[in-house]
Amino acid sequence: MAPKPVKIPLNSICPTEYLLPQDKLDEIATHYDGTIESIEPIVGYQVGPHFYPDNGNKRSCFVYMKSHEYILGYRQPFDPDEISDLIKSAQKAQRHNVHTLADLTSKIVSRQEYDTIIDK
């Protein structure tokens, strides 16, 4: 039997990206019916009170902008190497002034701008 996703509080998420392309958020919107259940669960690691998404920054940001308090997700089993890489990604986001999902909402850009910045 496959595990069921759990509720991940949005205020516990430490973004592991510092920039989001608008077109990806638009794509997520096509699946959204007003409920959390319509968004694919995220995947990541819980470290103390913090959740580091390995896959799900864009979906987390999207549901945050829709004023939800949590998103469904899967907590991965502890893997020190993966967690270390995600914490490094979160620290990079923090150097770009992205500490929370609220901060990440101010870092949504066009696809062209995203590709120009990320490709540097």
C-alpha atoms as a PDB file:
ATOM      1  CA  MET A   1       0.000   0.000   0.000  1.00  0.00           C
ATOM      2  CA  ALA A   2       1.397   3.386  -0.985  1.00  0.00           C
ATOM      3  CA  PRO A   3       1.882   5.938   1.790  1.00  0.00           C
ATOM      4  CA  LYS A   4      -0.600   8.775   2.038  1.00  0.00           C
ATOM      5  CA  PRO A   5       0.692  12.333   1.786  1.00  0.00           C
ATOM      6  CA  VAL A   6       0.693  14.381   4.979  1.00  0.00           C
ATOM      7  CA  LYS A   7      -0.098  18.036   5.584  1.00  0.00           C
ATOM      8  CA  ILE A   8       3.056  20.169   5.397  1.00  0.00           C
ATOM      9  CA  PRO A   9       2.542  23.631   6.962  1.00  0.00           C
ATOM     10  CA  LEU A  10       3.566  26.283   4.444  1.00  0.00           C
ATOM     11  CA  ASN A  11       5.242  28.318   7.181  1.00  0.00           C
ATOM     12  CA  SER A  12       7.653  25.399   7.779  1.00  0.00           C
ATOM     13  CA  ILE A  13       8.935  25.348   4.194  1.00  0.00           C
ATOM     14  CA  CYS A  14      12.451  26.634   3.538  1.00  0.00           C
ATOM     15  CA  PRO A  15      12.559  27.423  -0.186  1.00  0.00           C
ATOM     16  CA  THR A  16      15.348  25.679  -2.050  1.00  0.00           C
ATOM     17  CA  GLU A  17      14.936  27.914  -5.098  1.00  0.00           C
ATOM     18  CA  TYR A  18      15.344  31.674  -5.290  1.00  0.00           C
ATOM     19  CA  LEU A  19      13.565  32.449  -8.553  1.00  0.00           C
ATOM     20  CA  LEU A  20      10.398  31.110 -10.180  1.00  0.00           C
ATOM     21  CA  PRO A  21       9.225  31.338 -13.795  1.00  0.00           C
ATOM     22  CA  GLN A  22       5.654  32.609 -14.178  1.00  0.00           C
ATOM     23  CA  ASP A  23       4.827  30.032 -16.858  1.00  0.00           C
ATOM     24  CA  LYS A  24       5.333  27.171 -14.377  1.00  0.00           C
ATOM     25  CA  LEU A  25       2.906  28.772 -11.931  1.00  0.00           C
ATOM     26  CA  ASP A  26       0.432  29.237 -14.777  1.00  0.00           C
ATOM     27  CA  GLU A  27       0.776  25.530 -15.567  1.00  0.00           C
ATOM     28  CA  ILE A  28       0.052  24.606 -11.940  1.00  0.00           C
ATOM     29  CA  ALA A  29      -3.046  26.830 -12.065  1.00  0.00           C
ATOM     30  CA  THR A  30      -4.525  24.654 -14.828  1.00  0.00           C
ATOM     31  CA  HIS A  31      -4.780  21.759 -12.328  1.00  0.00           C
ATOM     32  CA  TYR A  32      -6.046  23.810  -9.386  1.00  0.00           C
ATOM     33  CA  ASP A  33      -9.743  23.516  -8.531  1.00  0.00           C
ATOM     34  CA  GLY A  34      -9.610  25.513  -5.301  1.00  0.00           C
ATOM     35  CA  THR A  35      -8.549  22.574  -3.159  1.00  0.00           C
ATOM     36  CA  ILE A  36      -5.151  21.430  -1.923  1.00  0.00           C
ATOM     37  CA  GLU A  37      -5.970  17.925  -3.132  1.00  0.00           C
ATOM     38  CA  SER A  38      -5.922  19.117  -6.749  1.00  0.00           C
ATOM     39  CA  ILE A  39      -2.209  19.975  -6.463  1.00  0.00           C
ATOM     40  CA  GLU A  40       0.326  17.162  -6.754  1.00  0.00           C
ATOM     41  CA  PRO A  41       1.977  16.497  -3.374  1.00  0.00           C
ATOM     42  CA  ILE A  42       5.463  17.850  -2.837  1.00  0.00           C
ATOM     43  CA  VAL A  43       8.461  15.786  -1.748  1.00  0.00           C
ATOM     44  CA  GLY A  44      11.171  16.753   0.695  1.00  0.00           C
ATOM     45  CA  TYR A  45      12.923  16.341   4.001  1.00  0.00           C
ATOM     46  CA  GLN A  46      11.834  17.369   7.468  1.00  0.00           C
ATOM     47  CA  VAL A  47      14.708  18.649   9.620  1.00  0.00           C
ATOM     48  CA  GLY A  48      13.409  19.752  12.981  1.00  0.00           C
ATOM     49  CA  PRO A  49      10.672  22.331  12.338  1.00  0.00           C
ATOM     50  CA  HIS A  50      11.873  22.984   8.763  1.00  0.00           C
ATOM     51  CA  PHE A  51      10.776  21.254   5.565  1.00  0.00           C
ATOM     52  CA  TYR A  52      13.188  21.398   2.618  1.00  0.00           C
ATOM     53  CA  PRO A  53      11.441  20.640  -0.678  1.00  0.00           C
ATOM     54  CA  ASP A  54      13.357  18.456  -3.079  1.00  0.00           C
ATOM     55  CA  ASN A  55      10.474  18.794  -5.489  1.00  0.00           C
ATOM     56  CA  GLY A  56       7.707  21.311  -4.873  1.00  0.00           C
ATOM     57  CA  ASN A  57       8.897  24.907  -4.478  1.00  0.00           C
ATOM     58  CA  LYS A  58       6.627  26.142  -7.269  1.00  0.00           C
ATOM     59  CA  ARG A  59       3.565  24.251  -6.037  1.00  0.00           C
ATOM     60  CA  SER A  60       4.207  25.421  -2.472  1.00  0.00           C
ATOM     61  CA  CYS A  61       4.491  29.018  -3.620  1.00  0.00           C
ATOM     62  CA  PHE A  62       1.329  28.662  -5.707  1.00  0.00           C
ATOM     63  CA  VAL A  63      -0.794  27.371  -2.810  1.00  0.00           C
ATOM     64  CA  TYR A  64       0.728  30.005  -0.507  1.00  0.00           C
ATOM     65  CA  MET A  65      -0.459  32.687  -2.953  1.00  0.00           C
ATOM     66  CA  LYS A  66      -3.923  31.093  -2.810  1.00  0.00           C
ATOM     67  CA  SER A  67      -3.928  31.674   0.983  1.00  0.00           C
ATOM     68  CA  HIS A  68      -3.778  28.035   2.050  1.00  0.00           C
ATOM     69  CA  GLU A  69      -1.959  27.136   5.264  1.00  0.00           C
ATOM     70  CA  TYR A  70      -0.551  23.784   4.193  1.00  0.00           C
ATOM     71  CA  ILE A  71       0.218  21.619   1.183  1.00  0.00           C
ATOM     72  CA  LEU A  72       0.151  17.855   0.893  1.00  0.00           C
ATOM     73  CA  GLY A  73       3.539  16.219   0.740  1.00  0.00           C
ATOM     74  CA  TYR A  74       5.743  13.241   1.358  1.00  0.00           C
ATOM     75  CA  ARG A  75       8.518  13.286   3.933  1.00  0.00           C
ATOM     76  CA  GLN A  76      11.491  11.377   2.604  1.00  0.00           C
ATOM     77  CA  PRO A  77      13.451   9.008   4.842  1.00  0.00           C
ATOM     78  CA  PHE A  78      16.530  10.641   6.338  1.00  0.00           C
ATOM     79  CA  ASP A  79      19.419  10.854   3.827  1.00  0.00           C
ATOM     80  CA  PRO A  80      22.311  13.050   5.055  1.00  0.00           C
ATOM     81  CA  ASP A  81      23.704  13.675   1.547  1.00  0.00           C
ATOM     82  CA  GLU A  82      20.362  14.754   0.098  1.00  0.00           C
ATOM     83  CA  ILE A  83      19.553  16.901   3.110  1.00  0.00           C
ATOM     84  CA  SER A  84      22.978  18.538   2.925  1.00  0.00           C
ATOM     85  CA  ASP A  85      22.436  19.431  -0.747  1.00  0.00           C
ATOM     86  CA  LEU A  86      18.983  20.867  -0.032  1.00  0.00           C
ATOM     87  CA  ILE A  87      20.235  22.911   2.897  1.00  0.00           C
ATOM     88  CA  LYS A  88      22.930  24.334   0.587  1.00  0.00           C
ATOM     89  CA  SER A  89      20.206  25.211  -1.933  1.00  0.00           C
ATOM     90  CA  ALA A  90      18.176  26.887   0.820  1.00  0.00           C
ATOM     91  CA  GLN A  91      21.251  28.846   1.903  1.00  0.00           C
ATOM     92  CA  LYS A  92      21.751  29.996  -1.702  1.00  0.00           C
ATOM     93  CA  ALA A  93      18.113  31.134  -1.757  1.00  0.00           C
ATOM     94  CA  GLN A  94      18.696  33.006   1.499  1.00  0.00           C
ATOM     95  CA  ARG A  95      21.673  34.829  -0.068  1.00  0.00           C
ATOM     96  CA  HIS A  96      19.118  36.034  -2.637  1.00  0.00           C
ATOM     97  CA  ASN A  97      16.851  37.224   0.219  1.00  0.00           C
ATOM     98  CA  VAL A  98      14.467  34.267  -0.054  1.00  0.00           C
ATOM     99  CA  HIS A  99      13.865  32.915   3.439  1.00  0.00           C
ATOM    100  CA  THR A 100      10.150  32.103   3.207  1.00  0.00           C
ATOM    101  CA  LEU A 101       7.475  31.418   0.620  1.00  0.00           C
ATOM    102  CA  ALA A 102       6.353  35.034   1.069  1.00  0.00           C
ATOM    103  CA  ASP A 103       9.812  36.127  -0.072  1.00  0.00           C
ATOM    104  CA  LEU A 104       9.673  33.718  -3.008  1.00  0.00           C
ATOM    105  CA  THR A 105       6.436  35.295  -4.272  1.00  0.00           C
ATOM    106  CA  SER A 106       8.401  38.466  -4.993  1.00  0.00           C
ATOM    107  CA  LYS A 107      10.836  36.481  -7.150  1.00  0.00           C
ATOM    108  CA  ILE A 108       8.432  35.434  -9.903  1.00  0.00           C
ATOM    109  CA  VAL A 109       9.687  36.455 -13.327  1.00  0.00           C
ATOM    110  CA  SER A 110       8.995  35.822 -16.999  1.00  0.00           C
ATOM    111  CA  ARG A 111      10.424  32.693 -18.595  1.00  0.00           C
ATOM    112  CA  GLN A 112      12.860  34.813 -20.608  1.00  0.00           C
ATOM    113  CA  GLU A 113      14.151  36.605 -17.507  1.00  0.00           C
ATOM    114  CA  TYR A 114      14.323  33.316 -15.587  1.00  0.00           C
ATOM    115  CA  ASP A 115      16.371  31.631 -18.314  1.00  0.00           C
ATOM    116  CA  THR A 116      18.716  34.620 -18.556  1.00  0.00           C
ATOM    117  CA  ILE A 117      19.358  34.726 -14.793  1.00  0.00           C
ATOM    118  CA  ILE A 118      19.566  30.978 -14.147  1.00  0.00           C
ATOM    119  CA  ASP A 119      21.871  30.371 -17.134  1.00  0.00           C
ATOM    120  CA  LYS A 120      24.493  32.780 -15.744  1.00  0.00           C
END
